[in-house]
PDB file of N, CA and C in Angstrom:
ATOM      1  N   MET A   1      -0.439  51.823   9.194  1.00  0.00           N
ATOM      2  CA  MET A   1       0.806  51.124   9.385  1.00  0.00           C
ATOM      3  C   MET A   1       1.808  51.731   8.391  1.00  0.00           C
ATOM      4  N   SER A   2       2.971  52.036   8.896  1.00  0.00           N
ATOM      5  CA  SER A   2       3.989  52.658   8.042  1.00  0.00           C
ATOM      6  C   SER A   2       4.646  51.610   7.151  1.00  0.00           C
ATOM      7  N   SER A   3       5.349  52.086   6.133  1.00  0.00           N
ATOM      8  CA  SER A   3       5.999  51.153   5.213  1.00  0.00           C
ATOM      9  C   SER A   3       7.106  50.375   5.905  1.00  0.00           C
ATOM     10  N   THR A   4       7.770  50.948   6.887  1.00  0.00           N
ATOM     11  CA  THR A   4       8.811  50.251   7.654  1.00  0.00           C
ATOM     12  C   THR A   4       8.186  49.119   8.465  1.00  0.00           C
ATOM     13  N   GLN A   5       7.033  49.400   9.069  1.00  0.00           N
ATOM     14  CA  GLN A   5       6.348  48.366   9.849  1.00  0.00           C
ATOM     15  C   GLN A   5       5.865  47.229   8.946  1.00  0.00           C
ATOM     16  N   LYS A   6       5.363  47.573   7.765  1.00  0.00           N
ATOM     17  CA  LYS A   6       4.922  46.550   6.815  1.00  0.00           C
ATOM     18  C   LYS A   6       6.093  45.681   6.378  1.00  0.00           C
ATOM     19  N   LYS A   7       7.206  46.329   6.094  1.00  0.00           N
ATOM     20  CA  LYS A   7       8.400  45.588   5.674  1.00  0.00           C
ATOM     21  C   LYS A   7       8.860  44.642   6.782  1.00  0.00           C
ATOM     22  N   TRP A   8       8.866  45.134   8.021  1.00  0.00           N
ATOM     23  CA  TRP A   8       9.274  44.313   9.159  1.00  0.00           C
ATOM     24  C   TRP A   8       8.316  43.129   9.318  1.00  0.00           C
ATOM     25  N   LEU A   9       7.024  43.388   9.201  1.00  0.00           N
ATOM     26  CA  LEU A   9       6.018  42.345   9.349  1.00  0.00           C
ATOM     27  C   LEU A   9       6.163  41.289   8.248  1.00  0.00           C
ATOM     28  N   ILE A  10       6.389  41.705   7.024  1.00  0.00           N
ATOM     29  CA  ILE A  10       6.567  40.774   5.911  1.00  0.00           C
ATOM     30  C   ILE A  10       7.804  39.906   6.136  1.00  0.00           C
ATOM     31  N   GLU A  11       8.893  40.501   6.616  1.00  0.00           N
ATOM     32  CA  GLU A  11      10.115  39.726   6.894  1.00  0.00           C
ATOM     33  C   GLU A  11       9.861  38.692   7.976  1.00  0.00           C
ATOM     34  N   ARG A  12       9.159  39.091   9.034  1.00  0.00           N
ATOM     35  CA  ARG A  12       8.873  38.158  10.136  1.00  0.00           C
ATOM     36  C   ARG A  12       7.966  37.019   9.667  1.00  0.00           C
ATOM     37  N   LEU A  13       6.961  37.355   8.872  1.00  0.00           N
ATOM     38  CA  LEU A  13       6.057  36.320   8.353  1.00  0.00           C
ATOM     39  C   LEU A  13       6.805  35.362   7.426  1.00  0.00           C
ATOM     40  N   SER A  14       7.735  35.878   6.656  1.00  0.00           N
ATOM     41  CA  SER A  14       8.543  35.025   5.782  1.00  0.00           C
ATOM     42  C   SER A  14       9.388  34.060   6.595  1.00  0.00           C
ATOM     43  N   ILE A  15       9.968  34.561   7.682  1.00  0.00           N
ATOM     44  CA  ILE A  15      10.792  33.708   8.554  1.00  0.00           C
ATOM     45  C   ILE A  15       9.931  32.637   9.200  1.00  0.00           C
ATOM     46  N   VAL A  16       8.751  33.019   9.685  1.00  0.00           N
ATOM     47  CA  VAL A  16       7.839  32.055  10.314  1.00  0.00           C
ATOM     48  C   VAL A  16       7.397  31.006   9.287  1.00  0.00           C
ATOM     49  N   SER A  17       7.074  31.451   8.097  1.00  0.00           N
ATOM     50  CA  SER A  17       6.642  30.537   7.046  1.00  0.00           C
ATOM     51  C   SER A  17       7.749  29.555   6.680  1.00  0.00           C
ATOM     52  N   LEU A  18       8.968  30.044   6.553  1.00  0.00           N
ATOM     53  CA  LEU A  18      10.110  29.178   6.241  1.00  0.00           C
ATOM     54  C   LEU A  18      10.350  28.171   7.361  1.00  0.00           C
ATOM     55  N   THR A  19      10.251  28.638   8.605  1.00  0.00           N
ATOM     56  CA  THR A  19      10.447  27.753   9.756  1.00  0.00           C
ATOM     57  C   THR A  19       9.399  26.643   9.756  1.00  0.00           C
ATOM     58  N   ILE A  20       8.159  26.984   9.509  1.00  0.00           N
ATOM     59  CA  ILE A  20       7.080  25.984   9.470  1.00  0.00           C
ATOM     60  C   ILE A  20       7.320  24.994   8.339  1.00  0.00           C
ATOM     61  N   SER A  21       7.736  25.465   7.181  1.00  0.00           N
ATOM     62  CA  SER A  21       8.012  24.584   6.041  1.00  0.00           C
ATOM     63  C   SER A  21       9.130  23.610   6.356  1.00  0.00           C
ATOM     64  N   LEU A  22      10.216  24.120   6.947  1.00  0.00           N
ATOM     65  CA  LEU A  22      11.340  23.246   7.291  1.00  0.00           C
ATOM     66  C   LEU A  22      10.949  22.226   8.344  1.00  0.00           C
ATOM     67  N   PHE A  23      10.169  22.642   9.327  1.00  0.00           N
ATOM     68  CA  PHE A  23       9.718  21.719  10.361  1.00  0.00           C
ATOM     69  C   PHE A  23       8.832  20.632   9.759  1.00  0.00           C
ATOM     70  N   GLY A  24       7.931  21.025   8.849  1.00  0.00           N
ATOM     71  CA  GLY A  24       7.067  20.047   8.189  1.00  0.00           C
ATOM     72  C   GLY A  24       7.871  19.049   7.379  1.00  0.00           C
ATOM     73  N   ALA A  25       8.884  19.526   6.670  1.00  0.00           N
ATOM     74  CA  ALA A  25       9.729  18.636   5.875  1.00  0.00           C
ATOM     75  C   ALA A  25      10.477  17.663   6.777  1.00  0.00           C
ATOM     76  N   GLN A  26      10.942  18.141   7.917  1.00  0.00           N
ATOM     77  CA  GLN A  26      11.646  17.261   8.853  1.00  0.00           C
ATOM     78  C   GLN A  26      10.709  16.194   9.405  1.00  0.00           C
ATOM     79  N   CYS A  27       9.472  16.566   9.678  1.00  0.00           N
ATOM     80  CA  CYS A  27       8.496  15.590  10.185  1.00  0.00           C
ATOM     81  C   CYS A  27       8.216  14.506   9.150  1.00  0.00           C
ATOM     82  N   VAL A  28       8.036  14.911   7.906  1.00  0.00           N
ATOM     83  CA  VAL A  28       7.778  13.944   6.834  1.00  0.00           C
ATOM     84  C   VAL A  28       8.977  13.019   6.672  1.00  0.00           C
ATOM     85  N   TYR A  29      10.183  13.566   6.679  1.00  0.00           N
ATOM     86  CA  TYR A  29      11.394  12.759   6.544  1.00  0.00           C
ATOM     87  C   TYR A  29      11.496  11.769   7.695  1.00  0.00           C
ATOM     88  N   ALA A  30      11.199  12.220   8.911  1.00  0.00           N
ATOM     89  CA  ALA A  30      11.266  11.332  10.073  1.00  0.00           C
ATOM     90  C   ALA A  30      10.240  10.205   9.959  1.00  0.00           C
ATOM     91  N   GLN A  31       9.045  10.510   9.451  1.00  0.00           N
ATOM     92  CA  GLN A  31       8.025   9.476   9.296  1.00  0.00           C
ATOM     93  C   GLN A  31       8.440   8.434   8.257  1.00  0.00           C
ATOM     94  N   VAL A  32       9.029   8.899   7.170  1.00  0.00           N
ATOM     95  CA  VAL A  32       9.481   7.969   6.131  1.00  0.00           C
ATOM     96  C   VAL A  32      10.576   7.081   6.678  1.00  0.00           C
ATOM     97  N   ARG A  33      11.529   7.653   7.381  1.00  0.00           N
ATOM     98  CA  ARG A  33      12.620   6.869   7.966  1.00  0.00           C
ATOM     99  C   ARG A  33      12.086   5.842   8.964  1.00  0.00           C
ATOM    100  N   ALA A  34      11.169   6.267   9.825  1.00  0.00           N
ATOM    101  CA  ALA A  34      10.603   5.354  10.816  1.00  0.00           C
ATOM    102  C   ALA A  34       9.859   4.221  10.131  1.00  0.00           C
ATOM    103  N   SER A  35       9.150   4.523   9.062  1.00  0.00           N
ATOM    104  CA  SER A  35       8.423   3.507   8.321  1.00  0.00           C
ATOM    105  C   SER A  35       9.392   2.502   7.696  1.00  0.00           C
ATOM    106  N   GLU A  36      10.459   3.003   7.104  1.00  0.00           N
ATOM    107  CA  GLU A  36      11.437   2.116   6.477  1.00  0.00           C
ATOM    108  C   GLU A  36      12.120   1.232   7.503  1.00  0.00           C
ATOM    109  N   GLU A  37      12.405   1.780   8.672  1.00  0.00           N
ATOM    110  CA  GLU A  37      13.068   1.003   9.717  1.00  0.00           C
ATOM    111  C   GLU A  37      12.130  -0.022  10.332  1.00  0.00           C
ATOM    112  N   ALA A  38      10.831   0.258  10.335  1.00  0.00           N
ATOM    113  CA  ALA A  38       9.862  -0.645  10.943  1.00  0.00           C
ATOM    114  C   ALA A  38       9.523  -1.828  10.040  1.00  0.00           C
ATOM    115  N   ASP A  39       9.676  -1.658   8.735  1.00  0.00           N
ATOM    116  CA  ASP A  39       9.352  -2.728   7.804  1.00  0.00           C
ATOM    117  C   ASP A  39      10.410  -3.827   7.853  1.00  0.00           C
ATOM    118  N   PRO A  40       9.972  -5.077   7.832  1.00  0.00           N
ATOM    119  CA  PRO A  40      10.937  -6.165   7.769  1.00  0.00           C
ATOM    120  C   PRO A  40      11.754  -6.077   6.471  1.00  0.00           C
ATOM    121  N   ALA A  41      12.994  -6.501   6.538  1.00  0.00           N
ATOM    122  CA  ALA A  41      13.884  -6.415   5.373  1.00  0.00           C
ATOM    123  C   ALA A  41      13.335  -7.189   4.182  1.00  0.00           C
ATOM    124  N   ARG A  42      12.651  -8.292   4.434  1.00  0.00           N
ATOM    125  CA  ARG A  42      12.152  -9.113   3.329  1.00  0.00           C
ATOM    126  C   ARG A  42      11.108  -8.378   2.486  1.00  0.00           C
ATOM    127  N   TRP A  43      10.481  -7.339   3.047  1.00  0.00           N
ATOM    128  CA  TRP A  43       9.485  -6.590   2.282  1.00  0.00           C
ATOM    129  C   TRP A  43      10.117  -5.762   1.183  1.00  0.00           C
ATOM    130  N   SER A  44      11.366  -5.422   1.336  1.00  0.00           N
ATOM    131  CA  SER A  44      12.020  -4.583   0.329  1.00  0.00           C
ATOM    132  C   SER A  44      12.888  -5.409  -0.622  1.00  0.00           C
ATOM    133  N   GLN A  45      12.902  -6.714  -0.445  1.00  0.00           N
ATOM    134  CA  GLN A  45      13.666  -7.585  -1.337  1.00  0.00           C
ATOM    135  C   GLN A  45      12.763  -8.058  -2.464  1.00  0.00           C
ATOM    136  N   GLU A  46      13.193  -7.790  -3.670  1.00  0.00           N
ATOM    137  CA  GLU A  46      12.390  -8.167  -4.829  1.00  0.00           C
ATOM    138  C   GLU A  46      12.558  -9.660  -5.129  1.00  0.00           C
ATOM    139  N   ASP A  47      11.487 -10.262  -5.612  1.00  0.00           N
ATOM    140  CA  ASP A  47      11.550 -11.657  -6.040  1.00  0.00           C
ATOM    141  C   ASP A  47      12.345 -11.712  -7.341  1.00  0.00           C
ATOM    142  N   THR A  48      13.437 -12.461  -7.323  1.00  0.00           N
ATOM    143  CA  THR A  48      14.288 -12.497  -8.507  1.00  0.00           C
ATOM    144  C   THR A  48      14.087 -13.743  -9.355  1.00  0.00           C
ATOM    145  N   THR A  49      13.617 -14.809  -8.749  1.00  0.00           N
ATOM    146  CA  THR A  49      13.432 -16.039  -9.516  1.00  0.00           C
ATOM    147  C   THR A  49      11.945 -16.263  -9.799  1.00  0.00           C
ATOM    148  N   ILE A  50      11.676 -17.087 -10.788  1.00  0.00           N
ATOM    149  CA  ILE A  50      10.291 -17.445 -11.123  1.00  0.00           C
ATOM    150  C   ILE A  50       9.620 -18.116  -9.930  1.00  0.00           C
ATOM    151  N   GLU A  51      10.359 -18.979  -9.234  1.00  0.00           N
ATOM    152  CA  GLU A  51       9.798 -19.680  -8.078  1.00  0.00           C
ATOM    153  C   GLU A  51       9.371 -18.701  -6.992  1.00  0.00           C
ATOM    154  N   GLN A  52      10.214 -17.695  -6.719  1.00  0.00           N
ATOM    155  CA  GLN A  52       9.878 -16.695  -5.705  1.00  0.00           C
ATOM    156  C   GLN A  52       8.654 -15.892  -6.132  1.00  0.00           C
ATOM    157  N   GLN A  53       8.589 -15.533  -7.389  1.00  0.00           N
ATOM    158  CA  GLN A  53       7.449 -14.782  -7.899  1.00  0.00           C
ATOM    159  C   GLN A  53       6.172 -15.610  -7.793  1.00  0.00           C
ATOM    160  N   TYR A  54       6.289 -16.903  -8.069  1.00  0.00           N
ATOM    161  CA  TYR A  54       5.145 -17.802  -7.997  1.00  0.00           C
ATOM    162  C   TYR A  54       4.624 -17.906  -6.557  1.00  0.00           C
ATOM    163  N   VAL A  55       5.540 -18.077  -5.614  1.00  0.00           N
ATOM    164  CA  VAL A  55       5.154 -18.189  -4.201  1.00  0.00           C
ATOM    165  C   VAL A  55       4.478 -16.897  -3.738  1.00  0.00           C
ATOM    166  N   THR A  56       5.060 -15.769  -4.090  1.00  0.00           N
ATOM    167  CA  THR A  56       4.476 -14.487  -3.699  1.00  0.00           C
ATOM    168  C   THR A  56       3.103 -14.291  -4.334  1.00  0.00           C
ATOM    169  N   ALA A  57       2.974 -14.622  -5.599  1.00  0.00           N
ATOM    170  CA  ALA A  57       1.691 -14.475  -6.291  1.00  0.00           C
ATOM    171  C   ALA A  57       0.623 -15.370  -5.656  1.00  0.00           C
ATOM    172  N   ARG A  58       0.995 -16.586  -5.282  1.00  0.00           N
ATOM    173  CA  ARG A  58       0.038 -17.488  -4.611  1.00  0.00           C
ATOM    174  C   ARG A  58      -0.415 -16.902  -3.280  1.00  0.00           C
ATOM    175  N   LYS A  59       0.532 -16.333  -2.531  1.00  0.00           N
ATOM    176  CA  LYS A  59       0.174 -15.710  -1.247  1.00  0.00           C
ATOM    177  C   LYS A  59      -0.779 -14.536  -1.463  1.00  0.00           C
ATOM    178  N   GLU A  60      -0.506 -13.738  -2.483  1.00  0.00           N
ATOM    179  CA  GLU A  60      -1.375 -12.594  -2.773  1.00  0.00           C
ATOM    180  C   GLU A  60      -2.762 -13.042  -3.204  1.00  0.00           C
ATOM    181  N   LEU A  61      -2.825 -14.100  -4.006  1.00  0.00           N
ATOM    182  CA  LEU A  61      -4.128 -14.633  -4.420  1.00  0.00           C
ATOM    183  C   LEU A  61      -4.912 -15.161  -3.220  1.00  0.00           C
ATOM    184  N   ALA A  62      -4.225 -15.864  -2.333  1.00  0.00           N
ATOM    185  CA  ALA A  62      -4.886 -16.400  -1.136  1.00  0.00           C
ATOM    186  C   ALA A  62      -5.396 -15.258  -0.252  1.00  0.00           C
ATOM    187  N   ALA A  63      -4.599 -14.197  -0.120  1.00  0.00           N
ATOM    188  CA  ALA A  63      -5.022 -13.050   0.689  1.00  0.00           C
ATOM    189  C   ALA A  63      -6.237 -12.368   0.062  1.00  0.00           C
ATOM    190  N   ALA A  64      -6.219 -12.212  -1.247  1.00  0.00           N
ATOM    191  CA  ALA A  64      -7.357 -11.588  -1.941  1.00  0.00           C
ATOM    192  C   ALA A  64      -8.606 -12.449  -1.783  1.00  0.00           C
ATOM    193  N   TYR A  65      -8.441 -13.761  -1.835  1.00  0.00           N
ATOM    194  CA  TYR A  65      -9.567 -14.678  -1.665  1.00  0.00           C
ATOM    195  C   TYR A  65     -10.159 -14.530  -0.262  1.00  0.00           C
ATOM    196  N   GLN A  66      -9.293 -14.428   0.745  1.00  0.00           N
ATOM    197  CA  GLN A  66      -9.772 -14.260   2.118  1.00  0.00           C
ATOM    198  C   GLN A  66     -10.512 -12.938   2.293  1.00  0.00           C
ATOM    199  N   ILE A  67     -10.015 -11.892   1.656  1.00  0.00           N
ATOM    200  CA  ILE A  67     -10.705 -10.596   1.716  1.00  0.00           C
ATOM    201  C   ILE A  67     -12.081 -10.714   1.068  1.00  0.00           C
ATOM    202  N   SER A  68     -12.154 -11.411  -0.051  1.00  0.00           N
ATOM    203  CA  SER A  68     -13.442 -11.615  -0.727  1.00  0.00           C
ATOM    204  C   SER A  68     -14.413 -12.374   0.171  1.00  0.00           C
ATOM    205  N   LEU A  69     -13.922 -13.410   0.838  1.00  0.00           N
ATOM    206  CA  LEU A  69     -14.789 -14.176   1.733  1.00  0.00           C
ATOM    207  C   LEU A  69     -15.274 -13.330   2.905  1.00  0.00           C
ATOM    208  N   THR A  70     -14.410 -12.475   3.406  1.00  0.00           N
ATOM    209  CA  THR A  70     -14.798 -11.570   4.492  1.00  0.00           C
ATOM    210  C   THR A  70     -15.888 -10.618   4.021  1.00  0.00           C
ATOM    211  N   ASP A  71     -15.737 -10.100   2.811  1.00  0.00           N
ATOM    212  CA  ASP A  71     -16.762  -9.220   2.247  1.00  0.00           C
ATOM    213  C   ASP A  71     -18.067  -9.980   2.027  1.00  0.00           C
ATOM    214  N   CYS A  72     -17.967 -11.218   1.583  1.00  0.00           N
ATOM    215  CA  CYS A  72     -19.161 -12.042   1.347  1.00  0.00           C
ATOM    216  C   CYS A  72     -19.928 -12.294   2.643  1.00  0.00           C
ATOM    217  N   ALA A  73     -19.203 -12.434   3.736  1.00  0.00           N
ATOM    218  CA  ALA A  73     -19.840 -12.739   5.020  1.00  0.00           C
ATOM    219  C   ALA A  73     -20.761 -11.617   5.477  1.00  0.00           C
ATOM    220  N   LYS A  74     -20.607 -10.441   4.934  1.00  0.00           N
ATOM    221  CA  LYS A  74     -21.430  -9.300   5.330  1.00  0.00           C
ATOM    222  C   LYS A  74     -22.767  -9.255   4.594  1.00  0.00           C
ATOM    223  N   LEU A  75     -22.945 -10.140   3.638  1.00  0.00           N
ATOM    224  CA  LEU A  75     -24.157 -10.139   2.812  1.00  0.00           C
ATOM    225  C   LEU A  75     -25.236 -11.029   3.403  1.00  0.00           C
ATOM    226  N   THR A  76     -26.434 -10.948   2.827  1.00  0.00           N
ATOM    227  CA  THR A  76     -27.524 -11.826   3.243  1.00  0.00           C
ATOM    228  C   THR A  76     -27.202 -13.256   2.808  1.00  0.00           C
ATOM    229  N   ALA A  77     -27.916 -14.210   3.351  1.00  0.00           N
ATOM    230  CA  ALA A  77     -27.595 -15.623   3.124  1.00  0.00           C
ATOM    231  C   ALA A  77     -27.587 -15.997   1.640  1.00  0.00           C
ATOM    232  N   ILE A  78     -28.582 -15.566   0.894  1.00  0.00           N
ATOM    233  CA  ILE A  78     -28.661 -15.918  -0.529  1.00  0.00           C
ATOM    234  C   ILE A  78     -27.517 -15.266  -1.290  1.00  0.00           C
ATOM    235  N   ASP A  79     -27.334 -13.981  -1.059  1.00  0.00           N
ATOM    236  CA  ASP A  79     -26.253 -13.264  -1.742  1.00  0.00           C
ATOM    237  C   ASP A  79     -24.881 -13.774  -1.304  1.00  0.00           C
ATOM    238  N   ARG A  80     -24.787 -14.164  -0.039  1.00  0.00           N
ATOM    239  CA  ARG A  80     -23.509 -14.648   0.490  1.00  0.00           C
ATOM    240  C   ARG A  80     -23.052 -15.894  -0.265  1.00  0.00           C
ATOM    241  N   GLN A  81     -23.957 -16.826  -0.488  1.00  0.00           N
ATOM    242  CA  GLN A  81     -23.567 -18.062  -1.170  1.00  0.00           C
ATOM    243  C   GLN A  81     -23.134 -17.783  -2.607  1.00  0.00           C
ATOM    244  N   LEU A  82     -23.849 -16.907  -3.290  1.00  0.00           N
ATOM    245  CA  LEU A  82     -23.447 -16.527  -4.650  1.00  0.00           C
ATOM    246  C   LEU A  82     -22.075 -15.850  -4.642  1.00  0.00           C
ATOM    247  N   CYS A  83     -21.872 -14.990  -3.673  1.00  0.00           N
ATOM    248  CA  CYS A  83     -20.607 -14.273  -3.560  1.00  0.00           C
ATOM    249  C   CYS A  83     -19.448 -15.239  -3.291  1.00  0.00           C
ATOM    250  N   VAL A  84     -19.667 -16.182  -2.379  1.00  0.00           N
ATOM    251  CA  VAL A  84     -18.630 -17.179  -2.065  1.00  0.00           C
ATOM    252  C   VAL A  84     -18.315 -18.012  -3.306  1.00  0.00           C
ATOM    253  N   ASN A  85     -19.344 -18.420  -4.030  1.00  0.00           N
ATOM    254  CA  ASN A  85     -19.125 -19.204  -5.250  1.00  0.00           C
ATOM    255  C   ASN A  85     -18.317 -18.405  -6.278  1.00  0.00           C
ATOM    256  N   ASP A  86     -18.665 -17.134  -6.443  1.00  0.00           N
ATOM    257  CA  ASP A  86     -17.924 -16.281  -7.375  1.00  0.00           C
ATOM    258  C   ASP A  86     -16.474 -16.096  -6.929  1.00  0.00           C
ATOM    259  N   ALA A  87     -16.289 -15.874  -5.651  1.00  0.00           N
ATOM    260  CA  ALA A  87     -14.933 -15.675  -5.125  1.00  0.00           C
ATOM    261  C   ALA A  87     -14.089 -16.929  -5.329  1.00  0.00           C
ATOM    262  N   LYS A  88     -14.678 -18.084  -5.072  1.00  0.00           N
ATOM    263  CA  LYS A  88     -13.944 -19.343  -5.243  1.00  0.00           C
ATOM    264  C   LYS A  88     -13.615 -19.573  -6.717  1.00  0.00           C
ATOM    265  N   ARG A  89     -14.577 -19.309  -7.590  1.00  0.00           N
ATOM    266  CA  ARG A  89     -14.343 -19.473  -9.029  1.00  0.00           C
ATOM    267  C   ARG A  89     -13.217 -18.545  -9.502  1.00  0.00           C
ATOM    268  N   ASP A  90     -13.272 -17.287  -9.059  1.00  0.00           N
ATOM    269  CA  ASP A  90     -12.233 -16.327  -9.446  1.00  0.00           C
ATOM    270  C   ASP A  90     -10.861 -16.753  -8.933  1.00  0.00           C
ATOM    271  N   TYR A  91     -10.813 -17.208  -7.677  1.00  0.00           N
ATOM    272  CA  TYR A  91      -9.546 -17.647  -7.085  1.00  0.00           C
ATOM    273  C   TYR A  91      -8.968 -18.824  -7.869  1.00  0.00           C
ATOM    274  N   GLU A  92      -9.797 -19.812  -8.149  1.00  0.00           N
ATOM    275  CA  GLU A  92      -9.318 -20.988  -8.878  1.00  0.00           C
ATOM    276  C   GLU A  92      -8.893 -20.628 -10.300  1.00  0.00           C
ATOM    277  N   GLN A  93      -9.621 -19.722 -10.929  1.00  0.00           N
ATOM    278  CA  GLN A  93      -9.266 -19.293 -12.280  1.00  0.00           C
ATOM    279  C   GLN A  93      -7.917 -18.556 -12.273  1.00  0.00           C
ATOM    280  N   GLU A  94      -7.752 -17.633 -11.343  1.00  0.00           N
ATOM    281  CA  GLU A  94      -6.488 -16.898 -11.243  1.00  0.00           C
ATOM    282  C   GLU A  94      -5.334 -17.834 -10.921  1.00  0.00           C
ATOM    283  N   LEU A  95      -5.588 -18.800 -10.058  1.00  0.00           N
ATOM    284  CA  LEU A  95      -4.550 -19.764  -9.688  1.00  0.00           C
ATOM    285  C   LEU A  95      -4.138 -20.602 -10.897  1.00  0.00           C
ATOM    286  N   SER A  96      -5.106 -21.000 -11.711  1.00  0.00           N
ATOM    287  CA  SER A  96      -4.778 -21.812 -12.884  1.00  0.00           C
ATOM    288  C   SER A  96      -4.019 -20.991 -13.930  1.00  0.00           C
ATOM    289  N   LEU A  97      -4.274 -19.695 -14.004  1.00  0.00           N
ATOM    290  CA  LEU A  97      -3.587 -18.836 -14.971  1.00  0.00           C
ATOM    291  C   LEU A  97      -2.207 -18.387 -14.491  1.00  0.00           C
ATOM    292  N   LEU A  98      -1.943 -18.572 -13.219  1.00  0.00           N
ATOM    293  CA  LEU A  98      -0.685 -18.118 -12.650  1.00  0.00           C
ATOM    294  C   LEU A  98       0.528 -18.708 -13.322  1.00  0.00           C
ATOM    295  N   GLY A  99       0.500 -19.986 -13.577  1.00  0.00           N
ATOM    296  CA  GLY A  99       1.613 -20.652 -14.237  1.00  0.00           C
ATOM    297  C   GLY A  99       1.857 -20.125 -15.646  1.00  0.00           C
ATOM    298  N   PHE A 100       0.779 -19.801 -16.339  1.00  0.00           N
ATOM    299  CA  PHE A 100       0.921 -19.274 -17.701  1.00  0.00           C
ATOM    300  C   PHE A 100       1.533 -17.878 -17.695  1.00  0.00           C
ATOM    301  N   ARG A 101       1.177 -17.074 -16.689  1.00  0.00           N
ATOM    302  CA  ARG A 101       1.697 -15.711 -16.631  1.00  0.00           C
ATOM    303  C   ARG A 101       3.165 -15.668 -16.252  1.00  0.00           C
ATOM    304  N   LEU A 102       3.587 -16.551 -15.360  1.00  0.00           N
ATOM    305  CA  LEU A 102       4.969 -16.516 -14.894  1.00  0.00           C
ATOM    306  C   LEU A 102       5.894 -17.426 -15.677  1.00  0.00           C
ATOM    307  N   GLY A 103       5.330 -18.357 -16.400  1.00  0.00           N
ATOM    308  CA  GLY A 103       6.146 -19.311 -17.123  1.00  0.00           C
ATOM    309  C   GLY A 103       6.442 -20.526 -16.285  1.00  0.00           C
ATOM    310  N   PRO A 104       7.222 -21.446 -16.831  1.00  0.00           N
ATOM    311  CA  PRO A 104       7.529 -22.680 -16.072  1.00  0.00           C
ATOM    312  C   PRO A 104       8.336 -22.360 -14.824  1.00  0.00           C
ATOM    313  N   THR A 105       7.999 -23.044 -13.712  1.00  0.00           N
ATOM    314  CA  THR A 105       8.695 -22.791 -12.461  1.00  0.00           C
ATOM    315  C   THR A 105       9.947 -23.644 -12.315  1.00  0.00           C
ATOM    316  N   LYS A 106      10.093 -24.674 -13.137  1.00  0.00           N
ATOM    317  CA  LYS A 106      11.290 -25.524 -13.032  1.00  0.00           C
ATOM    318  C   LYS A 106      11.799 -25.920 -14.385  1.00  0.00           C
TER     319      LYS A 106
END
C-alpha cells in the first residue's frame, strides 16, 4: 500500500470514527432528555421543609421494609420468621430515630 493510500485510509477512518462518536453522543443526549421528560415533575422537586423531608423519609422506610419482607418470603419457614422479625425491628428502630435525625416537625 502506498503512502498516499495509507493517508487516504487514515483520513477516512478518522471521519468514520468522528461520525460514530457524534452519533453516540446524540443518542446519549436523547436518552437523557427522554428520561427527564418521562419523570414526573415532583421527582425533581427537593423537599424544602422538615415536614416534607419527614414524609419522604417515612415513605422510603416503608418501601425498604416492603423490600425486606419480599426478600424474607424467599427463605425457608424458620429463616423467614427470623428475617421478618429482624426487618420489623429495623423498620421500627429507624422510624423511631427519624424524628431525632430531622428535628422537630412542628
